[in-house]
Amino acid sequence: MFDFDELEDDIESSGRCLKVDVQWQKISITVLGISGETIAKLSLHSSACAKHVKDHLQDMRSVPNFKMQLACGSHVLNDADRLLELAQPITLTCVFLHTDHKLNEVLLIAAEDGELKTAERALQANADPNCCDVAGGWTALHVSSQNGHADLVELLCKAKALMDRRMPDGATPMYMAAQGGRCNVLRALCRARCDINAMKHDGYSPLLAAVEMGHTEVVALLCQQRAAINEVVGHAGVTPLALTMQKTPGDARVQLLRLLCSSSADVDQPTKDGTTPLIIALRQRYPHAVRILCEAGASTDKTDRKGLFPLRIASEMGQADSVQLLCQAAADLNKAAVDGATPLYSASLEGHLDVARFLCEARAKVDQPRDTGATPLFTAANFGNFAMVRQLCMCRADMNLTTDNGVTPVFTASQEGHLEVLRFLCTAGANTQKTRKDGTTCQEIALQKGHSAISSFLQAHMGRQHAIPRVVRS
């Protein structure tokens, strides 16, 4: 017996299958040019509309879809017209419209003011998406990027605006957005695959522009997009990390330093003149940056082109906090520069007592001389720095070491007229009998220089030494 119920179910099932087939069927479209030549053959989903044809032609011909007009026979299609409703097989004619230059000014003003609807109407009426302001060379994309109109930027990118077009100074829309701190615009440009590292003529990249202006969020976005973070660029030959130390304003500096270090910035990458970020931080007298860089593993031994290294610079400048940070980072206490001067010598020369005290307590070599043979004690005595002389002597500096020409700390104190230093050294047991290589004594040099008080003191001191009776052993 025939089962009508089963047949009904089969028909219902077939109907569902038929609906699915219709829903997913493809339709073929032939697109002709104005002269009748075939410019495209497309196979689109049955739910497609005229705008989808324009989108495909835009990708194929690099012509904005705003500049296309589609017709089926004598009927001009709107973007929303469904293709399935047209007579099969579908043959369309595409007319590429010429730009109406009168609308370019409308588009530029709309881009500046963020008027999305006005910009859309101008483009649909054939305004040129790459039109520019004659005076300044600004395109609509430059203007909207600088002013932060992300929706307009997306519209212009879809209209095939030149995304990496340069202004007279070489600035691209990406650069303008980075300099202005426009994150939403940057995201739109990145989605459109703009050149993230396109530099101005002066060598500044979008990342450098954002760093200089202190735009932390922009820098984070550019780092995520793998901007060139370690490239030495610009006429000054700087890296983003070096520029952060030199120009980033205020509190943004710390945030950017941490951000760049965590984004795999090379903390030892020098600038064109050989200066590392750590050396820049020291010269900027910024111990917080020194701490961040040391924690990120910055080398404490890298030198600049003058042969100066971080601990030498910090000691010479009297930066006690930075000296401690560098020593905690295992800096070599006794490393000498090209002139042979150690950090302790530099601190003694410049009179930075707290730095010298710390270095001595950290077991720096107190008698290590520079290339002339002068020790830290010698230079302190030479400049009459009584507190420094006393500190070094407390750390057991040798009071009788001589320079290359035979000058002792006592001799140079006598020569320069530093009575207080001389008295201390003599009381501490320094040898007053040592002469310079040419045989000149301390008293003689004092007389030559007109230091009568020094000469009198030395004469009295040597007299007291001769007057001390010798113990005769029986």
Protein backbone atom coordinates (compact mmCIF):
# COMPACT_ATOMS: atom_id res chain seq x y z
CA MET A 1 0.00 0.00 0.00
CA PHE A 2 1.35 3.49 -0.92
CA ASP A 3 2.30 5.61 2.09
CA PHE A 4 1.02 9.13 1.36
CA ASP A 5 2.39 10.40 4.66
CA GLU A 6 5.90 9.28 3.68
CA LEU A 7 5.56 10.95 0.27
CA GLU A 8 4.49 14.18 1.96
CA ASP A 9 7.56 14.04 4.19
CA ASP A 10 9.79 13.44 1.15
CA ILE A 11 8.27 16.41 -0.67
CA GLU A 12 8.74 18.63 2.38
CA SER A 13 12.32 17.44 2.72
CA SER A 14 12.96 18.04 -0.99
CA GLY A 15 11.54 21.53 -0.63
CA ARG A 16 13.98 22.29 2.15
CA CYS A 17 16.83 20.98 0.02
CA LEU A 18 15.62 23.08 -2.89
CA LYS A 19 15.63 26.19 -0.72
CA VAL A 20 19.19 25.44 0.35
CA ASP A 21 20.30 24.95 -3.27
CA VAL A 22 18.74 28.21 -4.34
CA GLN A 23 20.27 29.99 -1.35
CA TRP A 24 23.77 28.82 -2.18
CA GLN A 25 23.72 28.86 -5.96
CA LYS A 26 26.22 30.99 -7.89
CA ILE A 27 25.36 33.37 -10.68
CA SER A 28 27.62 34.38 -13.55
CA ILE A 29 28.11 37.99 -14.57
CA THR A 30 29.91 39.35 -17.60
CA VAL A 31 31.05 42.97 -17.31
CA LEU A 32 31.69 44.95 -20.48
CA GLY A 33 33.43 48.23 -21.00
CA ILE A 34 31.90 51.25 -22.72
CA SER A 35 33.25 50.03 -26.07
CA GLY A 36 31.84 46.55 -25.60
CA GLU A 37 35.10 44.86 -24.56
CA THR A 38 34.94 42.27 -21.78
CA ILE A 39 36.65 43.59 -18.68
CA ALA A 40 35.61 40.92 -16.17
CA LYS A 41 33.79 37.63 -15.76
CA LEU A 42 32.55 37.04 -12.24
CA SER A 43 30.86 34.26 -10.33
CA LEU A 44 29.05 35.65 -7.33
CA HIS A 45 26.64 34.47 -4.67
CA SER A 46 23.00 34.68 -5.66
CA SER A 47 22.38 37.19 -2.86
CA ALA A 48 24.96 39.62 -4.30
CA CYS A 49 24.02 43.13 -5.34
CA ALA A 50 25.50 45.67 -7.73
CA LYS A 51 27.88 47.00 -5.08
CA HIS A 52 29.58 43.58 -4.85
CA VAL A 53 30.36 43.76 -8.57
CA LYS A 54 31.90 47.21 -8.06
CA ASP A 55 33.98 45.91 -5.14
CA HIS A 56 35.40 43.12 -7.30
CA LEU A 57 36.17 45.54 -10.12
CA GLN A 58 37.82 47.90 -7.64
CA ASP A 59 40.20 45.14 -6.56
CA MET A 60 40.86 44.10 -10.16
CA ARG A 61 41.28 47.54 -11.73
CA SER A 62 42.44 49.66 -8.73
CA VAL A 63 39.68 52.15 -9.48
CA PRO A 64 37.50 53.41 -6.60
CA ASN A 65 33.98 52.00 -6.77
CA PHE A 66 32.74 55.58 -6.41
CA LYS A 67 34.01 56.15 -9.94
CA MET A 68 32.01 53.28 -11.47
CA GLN A 69 28.50 53.22 -12.85
CA LEU A 70 26.86 49.88 -13.76
CA ALA A 71 24.04 49.45 -16.23
CA CYS A 72 22.01 46.48 -17.38
CA GLY A 73 20.87 47.44 -20.85
CA SER A 74 19.50 50.95 -20.53
CA HIS A 75 18.80 50.58 -16.81
CA VAL A 76 21.36 52.20 -14.50
CA LEU A 77 21.84 50.09 -11.35
CA ASN A 78 21.88 51.37 -7.81
CA ASP A 79 24.38 49.78 -5.42
CA ALA A 80 21.60 47.92 -3.59
CA ASP A 81 19.99 46.34 -6.71
CA ARG A 82 20.01 42.52 -6.41
CA LEU A 83 21.61 40.65 -9.29
CA LEU A 84 19.24 37.70 -9.05
CA GLU A 85 16.39 39.97 -10.10
CA LEU A 86 18.07 40.81 -13.42
CA ALA A 87 17.47 38.92 -16.65
CA GLN A 88 19.69 35.87 -17.07
CA PRO A 89 22.42 35.56 -18.29
CA ILE A 90 23.58 38.78 -16.69
CA THR A 91 25.62 41.17 -18.81
CA LEU A 92 26.50 44.53 -17.30
CA THR A 93 28.18 47.59 -18.72
CA CYS A 94 30.62 49.53 -16.52
CA VAL A 95 31.31 53.18 -17.12
CA PHE A 96 34.35 54.69 -15.35
CA LEU A 97 33.41 58.22 -14.45
CA HIS A 98 35.73 61.23 -14.66
CA THR A 99 36.56 63.27 -11.59
CA ASP A 100 34.56 66.40 -10.94
CA HIS A 101 37.24 68.78 -9.70
CA LYS A 102 34.68 71.19 -8.29
CA LEU A 103 33.91 68.62 -5.60
CA ASN A 104 37.52 68.20 -4.47
CA GLU A 105 37.35 71.26 -2.23
CA VAL A 106 34.14 69.89 -0.72
CA LEU A 107 35.93 66.63 0.06
CA LEU A 108 38.94 68.37 1.65
CA ILE A 109 36.72 70.49 3.89
CA ALA A 110 34.66 67.43 4.86
CA ALA A 111 37.88 65.56 5.72
CA GLU A 112 39.05 68.41 7.90
CA ASP A 113 35.74 68.76 9.72
CA GLY A 114 34.98 65.05 10.00
CA GLU A 115 31.79 65.25 7.92
CA LEU A 116 31.46 61.61 6.86
CA LYS A 117 28.17 61.93 4.93
CA THR A 118 29.40 64.97 3.02
CA ALA A 119 32.60 63.12 2.09
CA GLU A 120 30.58 60.11 0.93
CA ARG A 121 28.38 62.28 -1.29
CA ALA A 122 31.43 64.05 -2.72
CA LEU A 123 33.10 60.75 -3.57
CA GLN A 124 29.92 59.33 -5.08
CA ALA A 125 29.73 62.47 -7.21
CA ASN A 126 33.28 61.72 -8.43
CA ALA A 127 35.50 63.82 -6.19
CA ASP A 128 39.10 62.61 -6.42
CA PRO A 129 40.06 60.75 -3.20
CA ASN A 130 43.68 61.81 -3.84
CA CYS A 131 42.98 65.48 -4.41
CA CYS A 132 45.26 67.75 -2.43
CA ASP A 133 45.50 71.29 -1.17
CA VAL A 134 47.73 73.08 -3.65
CA ALA A 135 49.33 75.33 -1.03
CA GLY A 136 50.31 72.69 1.53
CA GLY A 137 50.20 69.40 -0.37
CA TRP A 138 47.64 67.95 2.05
CA THR A 139 45.36 65.20 0.78
CA ALA A 140 42.00 64.40 2.34
CA LEU A 141 43.64 61.36 3.96
CA HIS A 142 46.39 63.52 5.51
CA VAL A 143 43.82 65.93 6.91
CA SER A 144 41.49 63.29 8.34
CA SER A 145 44.44 61.37 9.79
CA GLN A 146 45.83 64.39 11.58
CA ASN A 147 42.42 65.42 12.91
CA GLY A 148 41.56 61.95 14.15
CA HIS A 149 38.59 61.14 11.90
CA ALA A 150 38.98 57.35 11.75
CA ASP A 151 35.67 56.74 9.95
CA LEU A 152 36.70 59.13 7.19
CA VAL A 153 40.10 57.45 6.95
CA GLU A 154 38.39 54.09 6.43
CA LEU A 155 36.13 55.62 3.78
CA LEU A 156 39.07 57.13 1.89
CA CYS A 157 41.05 53.87 2.06
CA LYS A 158 38.08 52.01 0.56
CA ALA A 159 37.91 54.71 -2.12
CA LYS A 160 41.47 53.76 -3.06
CA ALA A 161 43.12 56.89 -1.72
CA LEU A 162 46.91 56.58 -1.84
CA MET A 163 47.61 55.52 1.73
CA ASP A 164 51.35 56.26 1.73
CA ARG A 165 51.26 59.48 -0.27
CA ARG A 166 53.76 62.02 1.04
CA MET A 167 53.49 65.70 1.75
CA PRO A 168 56.34 68.00 0.59
CA ASP A 169 58.27 67.20 3.81
CA GLY A 170 57.73 63.47 3.29
CA ALA A 171 55.04 63.00 5.95
CA THR A 172 52.53 60.22 5.26
CA PRO A 173 49.03 59.88 6.77
CA MET A 174 50.51 57.27 9.15
CA TYR A 175 53.10 59.80 10.34
CA MET A 176 50.46 62.50 10.84
CA ALA A 177 48.31 60.15 12.93
CA ALA A 178 51.28 59.03 15.06
CA GLN A 179 52.46 62.58 15.67
CA GLY A 180 48.97 63.63 16.67
CA GLY A 181 48.38 60.65 18.97
CA ARG A 182 45.44 59.36 16.89
CA CYS A 183 45.19 55.68 17.88
CA ASN A 184 41.89 54.97 16.14
CA VAL A 185 43.24 56.38 12.89
CA LEU A 186 46.41 54.34 13.25
CA ARG A 187 44.37 51.17 13.68
CA ALA A 188 42.40 51.97 10.53
CA LEU A 189 45.61 52.64 8.57
CA CYS A 190 47.19 49.45 9.87
CA ARG A 191 44.14 47.46 8.76
CA ALA A 192 44.58 49.03 5.33
CA ARG A 193 48.24 47.91 5.41
CA CYS A 194 49.89 51.30 5.26
CA ASP A 195 53.67 51.44 5.54
CA ILE A 196 54.21 51.65 9.30
CA ASN A 197 57.87 52.70 8.96
CA ALA A 198 57.57 55.29 6.17
CA MET A 199 59.91 58.13 7.14
CA LYS A 200 59.87 61.84 6.45
CA HIS A 201 62.71 63.37 4.49
CA ASP A 202 64.48 64.16 7.78
CA GLY A 203 64.50 60.45 8.64
CA TYR A 204 61.80 60.60 11.31
CA SER A 205 59.46 57.59 11.37
CA PRO A 206 55.93 57.43 12.84
CA LEU A 207 57.37 55.66 15.89
CA LEU A 208 59.94 58.40 16.49
CA ALA A 209 57.25 61.06 16.11
CA ALA A 210 55.06 59.35 18.71
CA VAL A 211 58.03 58.92 21.08
CA GLU A 212 59.03 62.57 20.83
CA MET A 213 55.47 63.70 21.57
CA GLY A 214 55.11 61.23 24.46
CA HIS A 215 52.13 59.36 22.98
CA THR A 216 52.42 56.16 25.03
CA GLU A 217 49.33 54.45 23.61
CA VAL A 218 50.45 55.13 20.04
CA VAL A 219 53.93 53.76 20.74
CA ALA A 220 52.38 50.62 22.25
CA LEU A 221 50.24 50.14 19.14
CA LEU A 222 53.16 50.66 16.77
CA CYS A 223 55.29 48.20 18.74
CA GLN A 224 52.48 45.63 18.53
CA GLN A 225 52.44 46.20 14.77
CA ARG A 226 56.19 45.50 14.72
CA ALA A 227 57.45 48.93 13.84
CA ALA A 228 61.23 49.18 13.48
CA ILE A 229 62.15 49.60 17.13
CA ASN A 230 65.95 49.27 16.93
CA GLU A 231 66.72 51.02 13.66
CA VAL A 232 69.09 53.98 13.88
CA VAL A 233 67.25 56.64 11.87
CA GLY A 234 67.03 60.36 11.28
CA HIS A 235 69.76 62.85 10.53
CA ALA A 236 70.76 62.64 14.21
CA GLY A 237 71.05 58.85 13.97
CA VAL A 238 68.86 58.02 16.96
CA THR A 239 66.80 55.03 18.06
CA PRO A 240 63.35 55.29 19.69
CA LEU A 241 64.95 54.40 23.04
CA ALA A 242 67.62 57.08 22.70
CA LEU A 243 65.05 59.65 21.62
CA THR A 244 62.94 58.80 24.68
CA MET A 245 65.88 59.82 26.85
CA GLN A 246 66.56 62.99 24.88
CA LYS A 247 63.17 64.50 24.09
CA THR A 248 60.17 62.70 25.57
CA PRO A 249 58.42 65.09 27.96
CA GLY A 250 57.63 64.59 31.65
CA ASP A 251 56.17 61.44 33.14
CA ALA A 252 55.72 59.83 29.72
CA ARG A 253 59.46 59.16 29.66
CA VAL A 254 59.33 56.46 32.34
CA GLN A 255 56.29 54.80 30.75
CA LEU A 256 57.89 54.77 27.32
CA LEU A 257 61.18 53.45 28.65
CA ARG A 258 59.44 50.52 30.30
CA LEU A 259 57.28 49.95 27.23
CA LEU A 260 60.17 49.97 24.76
CA CYS A 261 62.31 47.73 26.99
CA SER A 262 59.47 45.23 27.33
CA SER A 263 58.96 45.37 23.53
CA SER A 264 62.47 43.99 22.93
CA ALA A 265 64.20 47.28 22.26
CA ASP A 266 67.97 46.83 22.19
CA VAL A 267 69.02 48.64 25.36
CA ASP A 268 72.63 48.87 24.12
CA GLN A 269 71.92 50.08 20.58
CA PRO A 270 74.05 53.21 20.17
CA THR A 271 73.16 56.32 18.25
CA LYS A 272 75.15 57.40 15.21
CA ASP A 273 77.71 59.09 17.47
CA GLY A 274 78.17 55.89 19.50
CA THR A 275 76.18 56.94 22.57
CA THR A 276 74.11 54.25 24.31
CA PRO A 277 70.76 54.91 26.03
CA LEU A 278 72.44 54.38 29.42
CA ILE A 279 75.04 57.05 28.73
CA ILE A 280 72.31 59.41 27.54
CA ALA A 281 70.36 58.78 30.76
CA LEU A 282 73.44 59.64 32.82
CA ARG A 283 74.12 62.83 30.90
CA GLN A 284 70.48 63.78 31.37
CA ARG A 285 70.95 63.23 35.13
CA TYR A 286 68.01 60.84 35.25
CA PRO A 287 68.65 58.05 37.80
CA HIS A 288 65.16 56.57 37.35
CA ALA A 289 66.01 55.84 33.72
CA VAL A 290 69.38 54.44 34.77
CA ARG A 291 67.57 52.01 37.08
CA ILE A 292 65.14 50.91 34.34
CA LEU A 293 67.94 50.36 31.82
CA CYS A 294 70.10 48.46 34.30
CA GLU A 295 67.15 46.24 35.21
CA ALA A 296 66.64 45.60 31.49
CA GLY A 297 70.24 44.37 31.24
CA ALA A 298 71.99 47.39 29.75
CA SER A 299 75.76 46.98 29.53
CA THR A 300 77.76 49.03 32.02
CA ASP A 301 80.95 48.66 29.97
CA LYS A 302 79.93 50.19 26.63
CA THR A 303 81.91 53.33 25.81
CA ASP A 304 81.15 56.32 23.61
CA ARG A 305 83.47 57.56 20.90
CA LYS A 306 85.53 59.43 23.48
CA GLY A 307 86.15 56.21 25.38
CA LEU A 308 83.95 57.24 28.30
CA PHE A 309 81.85 54.57 30.01
CA PRO A 310 78.83 54.84 32.34
CA LEU A 311 80.57 54.60 35.74
CA ARG A 312 83.23 57.11 34.70
CA ILE A 313 80.54 59.56 33.52
CA ALA A 314 78.41 59.14 36.65
CA SER A 315 81.44 59.58 38.92
CA GLU A 316 82.68 62.62 37.04
CA MET A 317 79.24 64.23 37.23
CA GLY A 318 78.80 63.41 40.91
CA GLN A 319 75.70 61.25 40.46
CA ALA A 320 75.89 59.22 43.64
CA ASP A 321 72.56 57.42 43.10
CA SER A 322 73.52 56.35 39.61
CA VAL A 323 76.97 55.25 40.76
CA GLN A 324 75.32 52.93 43.27
CA LEU A 325 72.93 51.57 40.63
CA LEU A 326 75.81 50.90 38.24
CA CYS A 327 77.82 49.15 40.92
CA GLN A 328 74.81 47.01 41.78
CA ALA A 329 74.70 46.10 38.09
CA ALA A 330 78.29 44.81 38.40
CA ALA A 331 80.07 47.74 36.77
CA ASP A 332 83.87 47.46 36.85
CA LEU A 333 85.00 49.78 39.67
CA ASN A 334 88.54 50.04 38.33
CA LYS A 335 87.87 50.33 34.60
CA ALA A 336 90.06 53.05 33.14
CA ALA A 337 89.24 55.38 30.26
CA VAL A 338 91.68 56.09 27.43
CA ASP A 339 93.45 58.64 29.64
CA GLY A 340 93.88 56.02 32.36
CA ALA A 341 91.49 57.76 34.74
CA THR A 342 89.32 55.49 36.90
CA PRO A 343 85.91 56.41 38.32
CA LEU A 344 87.56 57.12 41.70
CA TYR A 345 90.13 59.39 40.08
CA SER A 346 87.35 61.29 38.25
CA ALA A 347 85.35 61.71 41.46
CA SER A 348 88.48 62.99 43.25
CA LEU A 349 89.30 65.37 40.44
CA GLU A 350 85.81 66.88 40.42
CA GLY A 351 85.50 66.91 44.21
CA HIS A 352 82.53 64.57 44.56
CA LEU A 353 83.14 63.35 48.09
CA ASP A 354 80.03 61.17 48.44
CA VAL A 355 80.86 59.33 45.21
CA ALA A 356 84.49 58.82 46.25
CA ARG A 357 83.40 57.55 49.66
CA PHE A 358 81.03 55.02 48.09
CA LEU A 359 83.66 53.80 45.62
CA CYS A 360 86.20 53.38 48.39
CA GLU A 361 83.72 51.44 50.50
CA ALA A 362 82.96 49.29 47.43
CA ARG A 363 86.69 48.38 47.36
CA ALA A 364 87.81 50.41 44.38
CA LYS A 365 91.61 50.53 44.02
CA VAL A 366 92.47 53.71 45.84
CA ASP A 367 95.99 54.07 44.38
CA GLN A 368 95.34 53.21 40.74
CA PRO A 369 97.02 56.03 38.76
CA ARG A 370 96.06 57.59 35.46
CA ASP A 371 98.44 57.73 32.47
CA THR A 372 100.53 60.53 34.02
CA GLY A 373 101.08 58.53 37.21
CA ALA A 374 98.76 60.80 39.23
CA THR A 375 96.65 58.99 41.83
CA PRO A 376 93.28 60.08 43.25
CA LEU A 377 95.12 61.37 46.36
CA PHE A 378 97.54 63.35 44.25
CA THR A 379 94.77 65.15 42.34
CA ALA A 380 92.86 65.89 45.56
CA ALA A 381 96.00 67.37 47.10
CA ASN A 382 96.75 69.30 43.92
CA PHE A 383 93.37 71.06 44.10
CA GLY A 384 93.49 71.55 47.86
CA ASN A 385 90.43 69.40 48.58
CA PHE A 386 91.02 68.73 52.25
CA ALA A 387 87.91 66.57 52.79
CA MET A 388 88.80 64.39 49.80
CA VAL A 389 92.40 64.03 50.95
CA ARG A 390 91.26 62.97 54.41
CA GLN A 391 88.74 60.48 52.95
CA LEU A 392 91.35 58.86 50.72
CA CYS A 393 93.90 58.68 53.52
CA MET A 394 91.27 57.02 55.73
CA CYS A 395 90.99 54.41 52.97
CA ARG A 396 94.78 53.89 53.22
CA ALA A 397 95.85 55.72 50.10
CA ASP A 398 99.64 55.71 49.69
CA MET A 399 100.77 59.27 50.51
CA ASN A 400 104.23 58.87 48.98
CA LEU A 401 103.45 57.63 45.48
CA THR A 402 104.86 59.89 42.77
CA THR A 403 103.78 60.95 39.31
CA ASP A 404 105.91 60.26 36.26
CA ASN A 405 108.05 63.33 37.01
CA GLY A 406 108.51 62.41 40.66
CA VAL A 407 105.89 64.69 42.28
CA THR A 408 104.23 63.50 45.51
CA PRO A 409 100.97 64.74 47.07
CA VAL A 410 103.07 66.70 49.60
CA PHE A 411 105.09 68.32 46.83
CA THR A 412 102.01 69.41 44.83
CA ALA A 413 100.30 70.76 47.97
CA SER A 414 103.43 72.79 48.68
CA GLN A 415 103.60 74.02 45.11
CA GLU A 416 99.95 75.07 45.01
CA GLY A 417 99.94 76.64 48.47
CA HIS A 418 97.44 74.32 50.19
CA LEU A 419 98.60 74.62 53.77
CA GLU A 420 95.72 72.74 55.40
CA VAL A 421 96.23 69.75 53.10
CA LEU A 422 99.99 69.85 53.61
CA ARG A 423 99.63 69.97 57.39
CA PHE A 424 97.27 66.96 57.33
CA LEU A 425 99.57 64.90 55.10
CA CYS A 426 102.58 65.68 57.23
CA THR A 427 100.73 64.82 60.41
CA ALA A 428 99.63 61.54 58.77
CA GLY A 429 103.26 60.65 58.13
CA ALA A 430 103.85 61.65 54.52
CA ASN A 431 107.50 61.90 53.44
CA THR A 432 108.49 65.56 53.04
CA GLN A 433 112.04 64.71 51.92
CA LYS A 434 111.13 63.32 48.50
CA THR A 435 112.24 65.56 45.65
CA ARG A 436 111.03 66.03 42.13
CA LYS A 437 113.05 64.28 39.43
CA ASP A 438 115.04 67.46 38.85
CA GLY A 439 116.01 67.48 42.55
CA THR A 440 113.69 70.29 43.66
CA THR A 441 112.47 69.90 47.24
CA CYS A 442 109.05 70.74 48.66
CA GLN A 443 110.43 73.76 50.53
CA GLU A 444 112.24 75.05 47.46
CA ILE A 445 109.11 74.88 45.27
CA ALA A 446 107.12 76.68 47.98
CA LEU A 447 109.66 79.51 48.02
CA GLN A 448 109.70 79.68 44.21
CA LYS A 449 105.92 80.05 44.17
CA GLY A 450 105.95 82.66 46.94
CA HIS A 451 104.21 80.49 49.54
CA SER A 452 106.11 81.74 52.58
CA ALA A 453 103.69 80.17 55.06
CA ILE A 454 104.18 76.78 53.39
CA SER A 455 107.97 77.17 53.46
CA SER A 456 107.91 78.13 57.16
CA PHE A 457 105.67 75.18 58.01
CA LEU A 458 107.92 72.71 56.17
CA GLN A 459 111.04 74.13 57.85
CA ALA A 460 109.42 73.82 61.26
CA HIS A 461 108.05 70.35 60.50
CA MET A 462 111.44 69.05 59.32
CA GLY A 463 113.05 70.68 62.35
CA ARG A 464 110.69 68.81 64.65
CA GLN A 465 111.46 65.58 62.83
CA HIS A 466 115.24 66.09 63.32
CA ALA A 467 114.68 67.05 66.93
CA ILE A 468 113.04 63.74 67.84
CA PRO A 469 115.65 61.84 69.85
CA ARG A 470 116.69 58.41 68.75
CA VAL A 471 116.25 55.55 71.17
CA VAL A 472 119.66 53.98 71.88
CA ARG A 473 119.48 50.29 72.60
CA SER A 474 121.91 49.03 75.20
